Amino acid sequence: MKDPRLQHDFFEQVYAVVKLIPPGRATSYGAIAKYLGTGSSARTVGWAMNAAHSKPEIPAHRVVNRLGMLSGKMHFGHPMEMQNRLEAEGVVVVDDQIQQWERVFWDPMTALG
């Protein structure tokens, strides 16, 4: 993905999916990549999330790793900000991991078809 225009388009596709994650739910980088038809690009989804922190309309706090770990928390300015946002939506987080991950997990493949 060397062409910056392609990266921009992919990031915008990622953001469109992330905006659809309901409050109180979360998904993974890999689930978004799979939904977008690029299953091996979970890391690029992570880069898109890193770039989203200056965009308040993108609920980047709802995107975590495949185990429900808050792997991107260092990009939120304060170490507890990601957890605080999730907890404000009713998500329980212990030791940087979403509890009841199976219940909280939002699968775009299922939800969006």
Protein backbone atom coordinates (compact mmCIF):
# COMPACT_ATOMS: atom_id res chain seq x y z
CA MET A 1 0.00 0.00 0.00
CA LYS A 2 2.64 2.50 -1.05
CA ASP A 3 0.37 4.97 -2.85
CA PRO A 4 -0.73 7.49 -0.17
CA ARG A 5 -4.12 7.83 -1.88
CA LEU A 6 -4.78 4.12 -1.39
CA GLN A 7 -3.85 4.37 2.28
CA HIS A 8 -6.16 7.38 2.68
CA ASP A 9 -9.04 5.48 1.02
CA PHE A 10 -8.45 2.43 3.22
CA PHE A 11 -8.34 4.57 6.37
CA GLU A 12 -11.65 6.18 5.36
CA GLN A 13 -13.17 2.71 4.88
CA VAL A 14 -11.93 1.72 8.34
CA TYR A 15 -13.41 4.89 9.85
CA ALA A 16 -16.76 4.22 8.19
CA VAL A 17 -16.91 0.80 9.88
CA VAL A 18 -15.71 2.10 13.25
CA LYS A 19 -18.45 4.76 13.26
CA LEU A 20 -21.01 1.92 13.12
CA ILE A 21 -19.81 0.15 16.27
CA PRO A 22 -22.60 0.64 18.82
CA PRO A 23 -21.84 2.13 22.23
CA GLY A 24 -21.07 -0.59 24.75
CA ARG A 25 -19.60 -2.86 22.09
CA ALA A 26 -16.09 -3.26 20.67
CA THR A 27 -14.42 -5.00 17.78
CA SER A 28 -10.92 -5.98 16.77
CA TYR A 29 -8.48 -4.69 14.20
CA GLY A 30 -8.61 -8.06 12.46
CA ALA A 31 -12.41 -8.18 12.34
CA ILE A 32 -12.46 -4.82 10.56
CA ALA A 33 -9.74 -5.95 8.15
CA LYS A 34 -11.65 -9.15 7.39
CA TYR A 35 -14.88 -7.23 6.80
CA LEU A 36 -13.08 -4.92 4.36
CA GLY A 37 -11.78 -7.95 2.46
CA THR A 38 -8.19 -7.47 3.56
CA GLY A 39 -7.88 -10.04 6.33
CA SER A 40 -4.11 -9.73 6.55
CA SER A 41 -4.16 -5.97 7.10
CA ALA A 42 -5.08 -5.81 10.81
CA ARG A 43 -1.90 -3.84 11.44
CA THR A 44 -2.94 -1.24 8.87
CA VAL A 45 -6.30 -0.95 10.64
CA GLY A 46 -4.25 -0.23 13.78
CA TRP A 47 -2.40 2.53 11.95
CA ALA A 48 -5.76 3.98 10.89
CA MET A 49 -6.86 3.96 14.54
CA ASN A 50 -3.62 5.69 15.57
CA ALA A 51 -4.37 8.40 13.02
CA ALA A 52 -7.99 8.70 14.23
CA HIS A 53 -7.23 10.18 17.63
CA SER A 54 -7.44 13.69 16.22
CA LYS A 55 -10.90 12.88 14.85
CA PRO A 56 -13.43 13.01 17.72
CA GLU A 57 -16.17 11.59 15.49
CA ILE A 58 -14.29 8.27 15.27
CA PRO A 59 -14.93 6.08 18.36
CA ALA A 60 -11.42 4.58 18.23
CA HIS A 61 -11.74 3.42 21.85
CA ARG A 62 -14.05 0.65 20.60
CA VAL A 63 -11.29 -1.05 18.58
CA VAL A 64 -8.99 -3.43 20.46
CA ASN A 65 -6.89 -6.49 19.72
CA ARG A 66 -8.34 -9.94 19.04
CA LEU A 67 -8.25 -10.86 22.73
CA GLY A 68 -10.10 -7.75 23.87
CA MET A 69 -6.93 -6.10 25.16
CA LEU A 70 -6.64 -2.30 25.08
CA SER A 71 -3.54 -2.47 22.92
CA GLY A 72 -3.94 1.08 21.61
CA LYS A 73 -4.43 2.81 24.95
CA MET A 74 -1.14 4.70 24.74
CA HIS A 75 -2.53 6.77 21.86
CA PHE A 76 -5.30 8.38 23.92
CA GLY A 77 -3.23 11.01 25.71
CA HIS A 78 -3.84 9.58 29.18
CA PRO A 79 -3.21 5.89 30.02
CA MET A 80 -6.75 5.47 31.42
CA GLU A 81 -8.67 7.39 28.72
CA MET A 82 -9.51 4.39 26.52
CA GLN A 83 -10.68 2.39 29.53
CA ASN A 84 -12.67 5.35 30.88
CA ARG A 85 -14.50 5.79 27.56
CA LEU A 86 -15.37 2.09 27.39
CA GLU A 87 -16.51 2.01 31.02
CA ALA A 88 -18.70 5.08 30.42
CA GLU A 89 -20.51 2.90 27.87
CA GLY A 90 -20.94 0.02 30.33
CA VAL A 91 -17.98 -2.11 29.22
CA VAL A 92 -16.06 -3.71 32.09
CA VAL A 93 -12.27 -3.55 31.76
CA VAL A 94 -9.86 -5.27 34.16
CA ASP A 95 -6.09 -5.13 33.73
CA ASP A 96 -6.45 -3.59 30.25
CA GLN A 97 -8.75 -6.40 29.04
CA ILE A 98 -12.44 -6.20 28.21
CA GLN A 99 -14.36 -8.64 30.36
CA GLN A 100 -16.95 -10.92 28.75
CA TRP A 101 -15.26 -10.27 25.42
CA GLU A 102 -17.55 -12.75 23.65
CA ARG A 103 -20.61 -10.68 24.69
CA VAL A 104 -19.05 -7.26 23.99
CA PHE A 105 -17.47 -8.26 20.66
CA TRP A 106 -19.22 -6.68 17.66
CA ASP A 107 -18.53 -8.59 14.45
CA PRO A 108 -18.94 -6.37 11.39
CA MET A 109 -19.28 -9.46 9.17
CA THR A 110 -22.40 -10.47 11.08
CA ALA A 111 -23.75 -7.02 11.90
CA LEU A 112 -23.23 -5.47 8.48
CA GLY A 113 -23.38 -8.56 6.29
